[in-house]
Amino acid sequence: MKKNRIAALLQSTTFDIPVSFSGWVRTKRGNKNVSFIAVNDGSTIHNLQVVVDANQMTEEDLKHVTTGACITVTGKLVQSQGKGQSVEVQAESLVVNGPADDTFPLQKKGHTLEFLREIAHLRPRTNTLGAVMRIRHHLSFAIHQFFNTNGFFYIHTPIITASDAEGAGEMFRVTTLDPKNPPLLQDGSVNFKEDFFGRETNLTVSGQLEGELAAMALGLVYTFGPTFRAENSNTPRHLAEFWMIEPEMAFYDIYDNMDLAEEMLKYLIRYVMDKAKDDLEFLTGLYDKELLNRLQHVVSQPFARITYTQAIDILKEAKVKFEFVPEWGADLQKEHENYLVEHHKVPVIVTDYPRGIKAFYMKQNEDGKTVRAMDILFPYIGELIGGSQREENLEKLQARMAEMHIPQESMDWYLDTRRYGTCVHSGFGMGFERLILFVTGMTNVRDVIPFPRTPNNANY
């Protein structure tokens, strides 16, 4: 008999039919006459109740059916006579595929998220992490669907790179050299010419620069892959390994860039509200009573758009004492970002930042002081998206690189795109886990990725 998924069985309107399914036992209760087993196979937040009559299976037969055990049930799908479920399965046979001994840590009680991080190999079996992982899947699928529908091409940019993109942080080195006895130059430094790639290489912090190259041929492209930063940050917002979505668009200016980012975010949130309604309702009820209302508000209202200069003026006029005093020329802090979102009651797109606090590749404005950058600030999250119109003028880009002491020789491949058929182009980057934080109402980024990589933590 073909195996059924529990999500499909719970939605079935056809009863008294033979079914077969497998899953993991959540609970078992009952008496000497009948047992009720709640089973979940990960396809939905909801369990399916299995009714086992004592005439068919004795307590001895059921002794290994304990919380955490994996079982296969064959029986009849019927309308439930009890409360809490609309359908149930009357078991005709039950096989224990894999028992769970009494040390199984996920018993029927509340577990803290901190505890669950210590058993990341088992936590997807909980309601919370199961819901988060299903939402993560839906968002991943929606990202590809959005860009594909809008004529973008998916580009795989390198994970191993000799570039540090915008100098966004410390990088993880990739090497095959013997750490105890590396080849040295006369000055005592490591001779990376003898390394695997013949030069110093690292794990990527961004696929943007390579994405720009592809956009100069294919027009509209996006990357969606893992990125790495070796920052010793133990905050609820930082990971050493995380996923980034980075579109790059030829012939897009900063306004096209903002329009695309807003359209994408609303599409993704609408998609997950449609596809993961049960999971969102569970998370709303358990963790964040305003989650669904907040998601609906974001997709139904236009984002506010202000310049960095306007943002500083708003912050200076605020009747709030900030830890970091807002001053023109300084980067916005999380407290500033939160205030701007609360002030406007919607997500905020801030543009035209001072050139001194932004990356070398951003398009310089005519005022000589600002660049065509954009950050999208979201409730509770702060910066969700960072992007810009890219500098297409070769001379201006070279001058900016010299000013920031970026060696042009090693970036000659990047400068070639300005030598051979340059054009106006733009792009942005979005941290995937931060989007999941907003959509799920979770407060720690370690709870929205299957196996978090953080300082002193690389288990599994």
Protein backbone atom coordinates (compact mmCIF):
# COMPACT_ATOMS: atom_id res chain seq x y z
CA MET A 1 0.00 0.00 0.00
CA LYS A 2 1.23 3.49 -0.85
CA LYS A 3 2.36 5.49 2.16
CA ASN A 4 0.29 8.54 3.08
CA ARG A 5 1.48 11.80 4.59
CA ILE A 6 -0.30 12.96 7.73
CA ALA A 7 -0.95 16.44 6.33
CA ALA A 8 -2.95 14.89 3.49
CA LEU A 9 -4.84 12.51 5.78
CA LEU A 10 -5.91 15.32 8.09
CA GLN A 11 -7.39 17.19 5.13
CA SER A 12 -9.15 14.17 3.67
CA THR A 13 -12.93 14.24 3.26
CA THR A 14 -13.09 10.59 2.23
CA PHE A 15 -13.56 8.20 5.13
CA ASP A 16 -13.60 4.47 5.83
CA ILE A 17 -10.68 3.97 3.48
CA PRO A 18 -7.52 1.93 4.07
CA VAL A 19 -4.42 4.02 4.82
CA SER A 20 -0.81 3.46 5.78
CA PHE A 21 1.60 6.01 7.20
CA SER A 22 4.76 6.31 9.25
CA GLY A 23 5.86 8.84 11.84
CA TRP A 24 7.16 9.48 15.32
CA VAL A 25 5.17 9.03 18.49
CA ARG A 26 4.45 12.22 20.37
CA THR A 27 2.26 10.77 23.15
CA LYS A 28 0.47 7.58 24.13
CA ARG A 29 -2.40 7.32 26.58
CA GLY A 30 -5.31 4.98 27.27
CA ASN A 31 -6.45 2.07 29.40
CA LYS A 32 -6.60 -1.72 29.25
CA ASN A 33 -9.23 -1.58 26.53
CA VAL A 34 -7.93 1.06 24.14
CA SER A 35 -4.82 3.14 23.45
CA PHE A 36 -4.62 6.55 21.80
CA ILE A 37 -1.34 7.37 20.07
CA ALA A 38 -0.51 10.84 18.69
CA VAL A 39 1.79 10.54 15.68
CA ASN A 40 3.59 13.23 13.69
CA ASP A 41 5.58 12.79 10.46
CA GLY A 42 6.82 16.39 10.05
CA SER A 43 4.46 17.27 7.21
CA THR A 44 2.28 19.44 9.46
CA ILE A 45 2.16 20.99 12.91
CA HIS A 46 -0.79 18.74 13.74
CA ASN A 47 -0.64 15.16 15.02
CA LEU A 48 -2.79 12.30 13.77
CA GLN A 49 -4.52 10.22 16.43
CA VAL A 50 -4.26 6.45 16.14
CA VAL A 51 -6.79 4.32 18.04
CA VAL A 52 -5.59 0.84 19.00
CA ASP A 53 -8.13 -1.65 20.30
CA ALA A 54 -6.92 -4.11 22.90
CA ASN A 55 -8.50 -6.94 20.93
CA GLN A 56 -6.01 -6.30 18.13
CA MET A 57 -2.86 -5.42 20.08
CA THR A 58 -1.99 -6.16 23.67
CA GLU A 59 -0.05 -3.95 26.04
CA GLU A 60 2.92 -6.23 25.44
CA ASP A 61 2.68 -5.48 21.71
CA LEU A 62 2.62 -1.77 22.48
CA LYS A 63 5.36 -1.60 25.12
CA HIS A 64 7.88 -0.16 22.63
CA VAL A 65 5.42 2.47 21.40
CA THR A 66 6.84 5.28 23.53
CA THR A 67 7.47 8.95 22.96
CA GLY A 68 10.10 9.32 20.23
CA ALA A 69 9.63 5.87 18.72
CA CYS A 70 9.20 5.58 14.96
CA ILE A 71 6.18 3.50 13.89
CA THR A 72 4.26 2.48 10.78
CA VAL A 73 0.50 2.19 11.08
CA THR A 74 -1.94 0.53 8.71
CA GLY A 75 -5.64 0.91 9.29
CA LYS A 76 -8.84 2.75 8.41
CA LEU A 77 -9.29 6.55 8.26
CA VAL A 78 -12.50 7.51 10.03
CA GLN A 79 -14.24 10.58 11.38
CA SER A 80 -13.20 11.15 14.97
CA GLN A 81 -15.74 10.81 17.75
CA GLY A 82 -13.55 12.63 20.24
CA LYS A 83 -12.58 16.26 20.74
CA GLY A 84 -9.50 17.89 19.28
CA GLN A 85 -9.38 16.20 15.91
CA SER A 86 -11.70 15.70 12.95
CA VAL A 87 -10.21 12.41 11.73
CA GLU A 88 -8.38 9.50 13.27
CA VAL A 89 -7.06 6.12 12.23
CA GLN A 90 -8.37 2.86 13.60
CA ALA A 91 -5.26 0.71 13.60
CA GLU A 92 -5.25 -2.76 12.12
CA SER A 93 -1.50 -3.27 12.37
CA LEU A 94 1.34 -1.33 13.96
CA VAL A 95 5.05 -1.88 13.46
CA VAL A 96 7.78 -0.26 15.56
CA ASN A 97 10.47 0.71 13.06
CA GLY A 98 12.77 2.11 15.69
CA PRO A 99 12.16 2.24 19.45
CA ALA A 100 13.25 5.17 21.64
CA ASP A 101 14.73 4.37 25.02
CA ASP A 102 13.84 6.23 28.19
CA THR A 103 16.69 8.72 27.72
CA PHE A 104 14.84 10.39 24.81
CA PRO A 105 15.08 14.07 25.83
CA LEU A 106 11.88 15.41 24.22
CA GLN A 107 9.24 14.27 26.64
CA LYS A 108 5.76 15.78 26.98
CA LYS A 109 6.71 18.99 28.74
CA GLY A 110 7.91 22.45 27.86
CA HIS A 111 11.53 22.81 26.78
CA THR A 112 13.40 26.08 26.55
CA LEU A 113 14.83 27.18 23.23
CA GLU A 114 18.25 27.34 24.91
CA PHE A 115 17.99 23.66 25.84
CA LEU A 116 16.86 22.72 22.34
CA ARG A 117 19.95 24.39 20.84
CA GLU A 118 22.01 21.80 22.72
CA ILE A 119 20.21 18.98 20.87
CA ALA A 120 19.95 20.48 17.40
CA HIS A 121 19.84 16.98 15.92
CA LEU A 122 16.49 16.34 17.64
CA ARG A 123 14.86 19.74 17.92
CA PRO A 124 13.11 19.64 14.47
CA ARG A 125 10.79 17.07 16.10
CA THR A 126 9.39 19.77 18.37
CA ASN A 127 6.38 21.83 17.34
CA THR A 128 8.34 25.06 17.39
CA LEU A 129 11.34 24.03 15.32
CA GLY A 130 9.19 21.92 13.01
CA ALA A 131 7.08 24.99 12.27
CA VAL A 132 10.15 27.18 11.75
CA MET A 133 11.79 24.69 9.38
CA ARG A 134 8.64 24.34 7.28
CA ILE A 135 8.40 28.14 7.07
CA ARG A 136 12.07 28.26 6.08
CA HIS A 137 11.30 25.86 3.25
CA HIS A 138 8.33 27.88 2.02
CA LEU A 139 10.37 31.09 2.02
CA SER A 140 13.21 29.39 0.14
CA PHE A 141 10.84 28.12 -2.51
CA ALA A 142 9.10 31.51 -2.76
CA ILE A 143 12.41 33.29 -3.34
CA HIS A 144 13.17 31.15 -6.36
CA GLN A 145 9.60 31.45 -7.61
CA PHE A 146 9.57 35.24 -7.28
CA PHE A 147 12.78 35.76 -9.21
CA ASN A 148 11.96 33.14 -11.83
CA THR A 149 8.55 34.73 -12.45
CA ASN A 150 10.22 38.13 -12.87
CA GLY A 151 12.73 36.94 -15.47
CA PHE A 152 15.81 36.54 -13.26
CA PHE A 153 18.46 33.85 -13.71
CA TYR A 154 19.84 31.95 -10.71
CA ILE A 155 23.64 32.22 -10.52
CA HIS A 156 25.93 30.05 -8.39
CA THR A 157 28.72 32.31 -7.19
CA PRO A 158 31.90 30.86 -5.63
CA ILE A 159 32.06 29.82 -2.00
CA ILE A 160 35.87 29.82 -2.09
CA THR A 161 37.17 33.23 -3.11
CA ALA A 162 40.26 35.44 -3.13
CA SER A 163 38.07 38.55 -2.75
CA ASP A 164 36.70 39.99 0.47
CA ALA A 165 33.90 41.87 -1.36
CA GLU A 166 33.30 45.07 0.60
CA GLY A 167 35.59 44.21 3.49
CA ALA A 168 32.49 43.14 5.40
CA GLY A 169 34.26 41.26 8.17
CA GLU A 170 36.85 38.70 9.17
CA MET A 171 37.02 35.73 6.82
CA PHE A 172 37.59 32.00 7.25
CA ARG A 173 40.78 30.95 5.49
CA VAL A 174 40.77 27.98 3.11
CA THR A 175 44.14 26.23 2.90
CA THR A 176 45.79 22.85 2.47
CA LEU A 177 49.12 24.01 3.92
CA ASP A 178 50.48 22.22 6.97
CA PRO A 179 49.59 24.49 9.92
CA LYS A 180 52.60 23.19 11.89
CA ASN A 181 55.10 23.74 9.13
CA PRO A 182 53.84 26.10 6.40
CA PRO A 183 56.19 27.29 3.65
CA LEU A 184 57.60 30.70 4.48
CA LEU A 185 58.96 33.65 2.55
CA GLN A 186 62.19 35.39 3.52
CA ASP A 187 60.28 37.92 5.61
CA GLY A 188 58.71 35.11 7.65
CA SER A 189 55.22 35.37 6.16
CA VAL A 190 53.39 32.34 4.73
CA ASN A 191 54.12 31.62 1.07
CA PHE A 192 50.59 31.09 -0.27
CA LYS A 193 51.94 30.48 -3.77
CA GLU A 194 52.53 26.93 -2.57
CA ASP A 195 48.92 26.57 -1.37
CA PHE A 196 46.27 24.64 -3.33
CA PHE A 197 45.06 27.65 -5.33
CA GLY A 198 48.45 29.35 -5.51
CA ARG A 199 47.19 32.31 -3.49
CA GLU A 200 45.44 33.14 -0.23
CA THR A 201 41.75 32.13 -0.33
CA ASN A 202 38.81 32.33 2.05
CA LEU A 203 35.15 31.42 2.42
CA THR A 204 32.98 34.08 0.81
CA VAL A 205 31.24 36.88 2.68
CA SER A 206 29.12 37.79 -0.34
CA GLY A 207 28.39 36.77 -3.91
CA GLN A 208 27.66 40.34 -4.97
CA LEU A 209 30.76 41.17 -7.02
CA GLU A 210 30.51 37.97 -9.05
CA GLY A 211 26.78 38.60 -9.38
CA GLU A 212 27.55 41.98 -10.96
CA LEU A 213 29.66 40.24 -13.60
CA ALA A 214 26.78 37.94 -14.49
CA ALA A 215 24.31 40.85 -14.62
CA MET A 216 26.53 42.51 -17.22
CA ALA A 217 25.76 39.57 -19.51
CA LEU A 218 22.38 38.15 -18.47
CA GLY A 219 20.70 41.37 -17.30
CA LEU A 220 18.81 40.11 -14.25
CA VAL A 221 20.42 37.58 -11.91
CA TYR A 222 20.30 36.52 -8.28
CA THR A 223 22.33 34.40 -5.91
CA PHE A 224 21.02 32.43 -2.96
CA GLY A 225 23.70 30.63 -1.04
CA PRO A 226 25.76 30.32 2.13
CA THR A 227 28.08 33.10 3.28
CA PHE A 228 30.57 33.16 6.14
CA ARG A 229 31.93 35.73 8.59
CA ALA A 230 34.51 34.96 11.23
CA GLU A 231 33.38 37.61 13.69
CA ASN A 232 33.49 36.66 17.36
CA SER A 233 29.90 37.82 17.93
CA ASN A 234 27.67 36.06 20.43
CA THR A 235 24.51 38.08 19.83
CA PRO A 236 20.98 36.91 18.93
CA ARG A 237 21.46 38.46 15.46
CA HIS A 238 24.77 36.97 14.30
CA LEU A 239 25.89 33.66 12.82
CA ALA A 240 29.24 32.59 11.39
CA GLU A 241 27.46 30.74 8.56
CA PHE A 242 24.24 32.13 7.10
CA TRP A 243 22.38 32.41 3.81
CA MET A 244 22.12 35.46 1.58
CA ILE A 245 19.85 36.45 -1.29
CA GLU A 246 21.62 38.87 -3.62
CA PRO A 247 20.00 40.06 -6.88
CA GLU A 248 21.96 42.20 -9.34
CA MET A 249 20.16 44.05 -12.13
CA ALA A 250 21.53 45.73 -15.25
CA PHE A 251 19.70 48.94 -16.22
CA TYR A 252 18.17 49.38 -12.71
CA ASP A 253 18.73 52.64 -10.84
CA ILE A 254 18.29 53.13 -7.10
CA TYR A 255 14.53 53.67 -7.46
CA ASP A 256 14.08 50.46 -9.46
CA ASN A 257 16.16 48.75 -6.79
CA MET A 258 13.88 49.94 -3.98
CA ASP A 259 10.75 48.96 -5.89
CA LEU A 260 12.05 45.44 -6.50
CA ALA A 261 13.08 44.92 -2.87
CA GLU A 262 9.71 46.06 -1.53
CA GLU A 263 7.83 43.95 -4.06
CA MET A 264 9.96 40.90 -3.19
CA LEU A 265 9.47 41.21 0.56
CA LYS A 266 5.70 41.56 0.26
CA TYR A 267 5.55 38.60 -2.11
CA LEU A 268 7.54 36.37 0.26
CA ILE A 269 5.46 37.27 3.31
CA ARG A 270 2.17 36.78 1.45
CA TYR A 271 3.39 33.43 0.17
CA VAL A 272 4.25 32.08 3.60
CA MET A 273 0.99 33.44 5.08
CA ASP A 274 -0.84 31.39 2.46
CA LYS A 275 1.26 28.21 2.57
CA ALA A 276 2.11 27.98 6.28
CA LYS A 277 -1.03 29.28 7.96
CA ASP A 278 -1.18 26.56 10.63
CA ASP A 279 2.49 27.00 11.56
CA LEU A 280 2.13 30.78 11.79
CA GLU A 281 -0.98 30.45 13.94
CA PHE A 282 0.90 28.12 16.28
CA LEU A 283 3.85 30.52 16.61
CA THR A 284 1.47 33.44 17.09
CA GLY A 285 -0.32 31.68 19.91
CA LEU A 286 2.81 30.51 21.69
CA TYR A 287 5.42 33.23 21.13
CA ASP A 288 4.12 36.45 19.61
CA LYS A 289 0.44 37.40 19.85
CA GLU A 290 0.86 40.16 17.26
CA LEU A 291 2.77 38.13 14.68
CA LEU A 292 -0.02 37.57 12.14
CA ASN A 293 -1.29 41.14 12.51
CA ARG A 294 2.23 42.48 11.96
CA LEU A 295 2.74 40.39 8.85
CA GLN A 296 -0.58 41.53 7.41
CA HIS A 297 0.25 45.15 8.15
CA VAL A 298 3.58 44.94 6.35
CA VAL A 299 2.13 43.51 3.14
CA SER A 300 -0.82 45.91 3.05
CA GLN A 301 1.01 49.23 3.47
CA PRO A 302 3.59 51.00 1.28
CA PHE A 303 7.04 51.26 2.84
CA ALA A 304 8.19 54.70 3.96
CA ARG A 305 11.11 56.20 2.02
CA ILE A 306 13.41 58.78 3.55
CA THR A 307 16.96 59.96 3.04
CA TYR A 308 19.68 59.42 5.60
CA THR A 309 19.72 63.18 6.24
CA GLN A 310 15.97 63.15 6.95
CA ALA A 311 16.49 60.16 9.24
CA ILE A 312 19.10 62.04 11.28
CA ASP A 313 16.77 65.03 11.57
CA ILE A 314 13.93 62.79 12.80
CA LEU A 315 16.22 61.17 15.37
CA LYS A 316 17.52 64.51 16.63
CA GLU A 317 13.97 65.78 17.12
CA ALA A 318 12.88 62.61 18.92
CA LYS A 319 11.85 62.90 22.55
CA VAL A 320 14.00 59.88 23.29
CA LYS A 321 17.38 59.58 24.97
CA PHE A 322 19.49 57.34 22.74
CA GLU A 323 22.56 55.51 23.96
CA PHE A 324 24.30 56.62 20.75
CA VAL A 325 23.67 60.27 19.92
CA PRO A 326 22.61 60.52 16.24
CA GLU A 327 25.06 62.60 14.22
CA TRP A 328 25.31 63.12 10.48
CA GLY A 329 28.17 61.00 9.16
CA ALA A 330 27.81 58.17 11.68
CA ASP A 331 26.13 54.87 10.90
CA LEU A 332 22.65 54.23 12.25
CA GLN A 333 22.54 52.03 15.34
CA LYS A 334 19.89 49.39 16.04
CA GLU A 335 18.12 51.73 18.46
CA HIS A 336 17.94 54.38 15.72
CA GLU A 337 16.58 51.87 13.21
CA ASN A 338 13.92 50.71 15.65
CA TYR A 339 12.82 54.26 16.35
CA LEU A 340 12.52 55.14 12.66
CA VAL A 341 10.29 52.10 12.07
CA GLU A 342 8.13 52.89 15.10
CA HIS A 343 7.92 56.53 14.04
CA HIS A 344 6.60 55.62 10.57
CA LYS A 345 4.58 52.55 11.68
CA VAL A 346 5.79 50.68 8.56
CA PRO A 347 9.10 49.37 7.21
CA VAL A 348 11.42 52.21 6.22
CA ILE A 349 13.79 52.50 3.26
CA VAL A 350 16.67 54.87 4.04
CA THR A 351 18.68 56.18 1.08
CA ASP A 352 21.62 58.46 0.28
CA TYR A 353 24.02 57.58 3.08
CA PRO A 354 27.32 59.42 3.65
CA ARG A 355 29.97 58.01 1.34
CA GLY A 356 32.41 57.65 4.23
CA ILE A 357 30.44 54.84 5.88
CA LYS A 358 29.57 52.86 2.76
CA ALA A 359 31.38 50.47 0.42
CA PHE A 360 33.61 51.51 -2.48
CA TYR A 361 31.31 50.23 -5.23
CA MET A 362 28.31 52.45 -4.44
CA LYS A 363 27.26 55.14 -6.92
CA GLN A 364 28.42 58.57 -5.82
CA ASN A 365 25.87 61.38 -5.79
CA GLU A 366 26.52 64.75 -7.35
CA ASP A 367 26.82 66.41 -3.92
CA GLY A 368 30.16 64.61 -3.39
CA LYS A 369 29.08 63.64 0.13
CA THR A 370 26.56 60.84 -0.28
CA VAL A 371 26.08 57.64 -2.26
CA ARG A 372 23.01 55.96 -3.71
CA ALA A 373 22.75 53.36 -0.99
CA MET A 374 19.58 51.96 0.49
CA ASP A 375 18.81 50.05 3.68
CA ILE A 376 15.40 48.55 4.45
CA LEU A 377 14.56 48.64 8.14
CA PHE A 378 11.97 46.25 9.56
CA PRO A 379 10.12 46.10 12.89
CA TYR A 380 12.13 44.29 15.60
CA ILE A 381 14.79 43.25 13.07
CA GLY A 382 16.43 46.52 12.14
CA GLU A 383 18.31 46.35 8.85
CA LEU A 384 16.93 43.52 6.73
CA ILE A 385 18.22 44.56 3.30
CA GLY A 386 21.25 46.58 2.26
CA GLY A 387 21.87 47.63 -1.32
CA SER A 388 22.79 50.37 -3.72
CA GLN A 389 23.08 51.58 -7.23
CA ARG A 390 26.57 50.50 -8.25
CA GLU A 391 29.20 52.95 -9.52
CA GLU A 392 29.43 52.34 -13.27
CA ASN A 393 31.97 55.10 -14.00
CA LEU A 394 35.47 53.58 -14.24
CA GLU A 395 37.41 56.70 -13.21
CA LYS A 396 35.21 57.38 -10.18
CA LEU A 397 35.38 53.75 -9.10
CA GLN A 398 39.17 53.67 -9.41
CA ALA A 399 39.50 56.91 -7.45
CA ARG A 400 37.25 55.56 -4.70
CA MET A 401 39.24 52.32 -4.49
CA ALA A 402 42.48 54.27 -4.22
CA GLU A 403 40.95 56.41 -1.48
CA MET A 404 39.98 53.28 0.46
CA HIS A 405 43.35 51.55 -0.20
CA ILE A 406 41.81 48.68 -2.16
CA PRO A 407 44.46 47.18 -4.48
CA GLN A 408 43.22 47.55 -8.04
CA GLU A 409 45.49 44.86 -9.45
CA SER A 410 43.64 42.08 -7.65
CA MET A 411 40.27 43.60 -8.65
CA ASP A 412 41.06 44.11 -12.33
CA TRP A 413 38.43 41.56 -13.31
CA TYR A 414 35.80 43.66 -11.53
CA LEU A 415 36.97 46.88 -13.18
CA ASP A 416 36.70 45.23 -16.60
CA THR A 417 32.91 45.42 -16.34
CA ARG A 418 33.33 49.22 -16.36
CA ARG A 419 35.74 49.10 -19.30
CA TYR A 420 33.70 46.91 -21.61
CA GLY A 421 30.11 48.03 -22.05
CA THR A 422 29.30 49.54 -18.66
CA CYS A 423 25.75 50.56 -17.73
CA VAL A 424 23.62 51.72 -14.84
CA HIS A 425 23.05 48.78 -12.52
CA SER A 426 21.95 48.04 -8.97
CA GLY A 427 21.54 45.27 -6.45
CA PHE A 428 20.94 44.40 -2.83
CA GLY A 429 21.57 41.70 -0.27
CA MET A 430 19.19 40.18 2.27
CA GLY A 431 20.14 37.95 5.16
CA PHE A 432 17.77 35.00 4.89
CA GLU A 433 17.78 34.17 8.60
CA ARG A 434 16.81 37.73 9.52
CA LEU A 435 13.78 37.47 7.25
CA ILE A 436 12.84 34.19 8.94
CA LEU A 437 13.18 35.89 12.33
CA PHE A 438 10.64 38.49 11.28
CA VAL A 439 8.21 36.03 9.72
CA THR A 440 8.28 33.55 12.61
CA GLY A 441 8.49 35.93 15.56
CA MET A 442 11.56 34.15 16.88
CA THR A 443 14.04 36.37 18.72
CA ASN A 444 17.32 34.48 18.24
CA VAL A 445 18.79 33.76 14.83
CA ARG A 446 20.11 30.43 16.13
CA ASP A 447 16.53 29.18 16.26
CA VAL A 448 15.79 29.69 12.55
CA ILE A 449 18.65 27.70 11.00
CA PRO A 450 18.93 23.90 11.35
CA PHE A 451 22.52 23.79 12.64
CA PRO A 452 23.79 27.18 13.86
CA ARG A 453 27.46 27.99 13.48
CA THR A 454 28.63 30.38 16.19
CA PRO A 455 31.86 30.92 18.16
CA ASN A 456 32.89 27.67 19.84
CA ASN A 457 29.95 25.82 18.27
CA ALA A 458 30.36 23.68 15.15
CA ASN A 459 28.63 20.49 16.23
CA TYR A 460 27.18 18.07 13.68
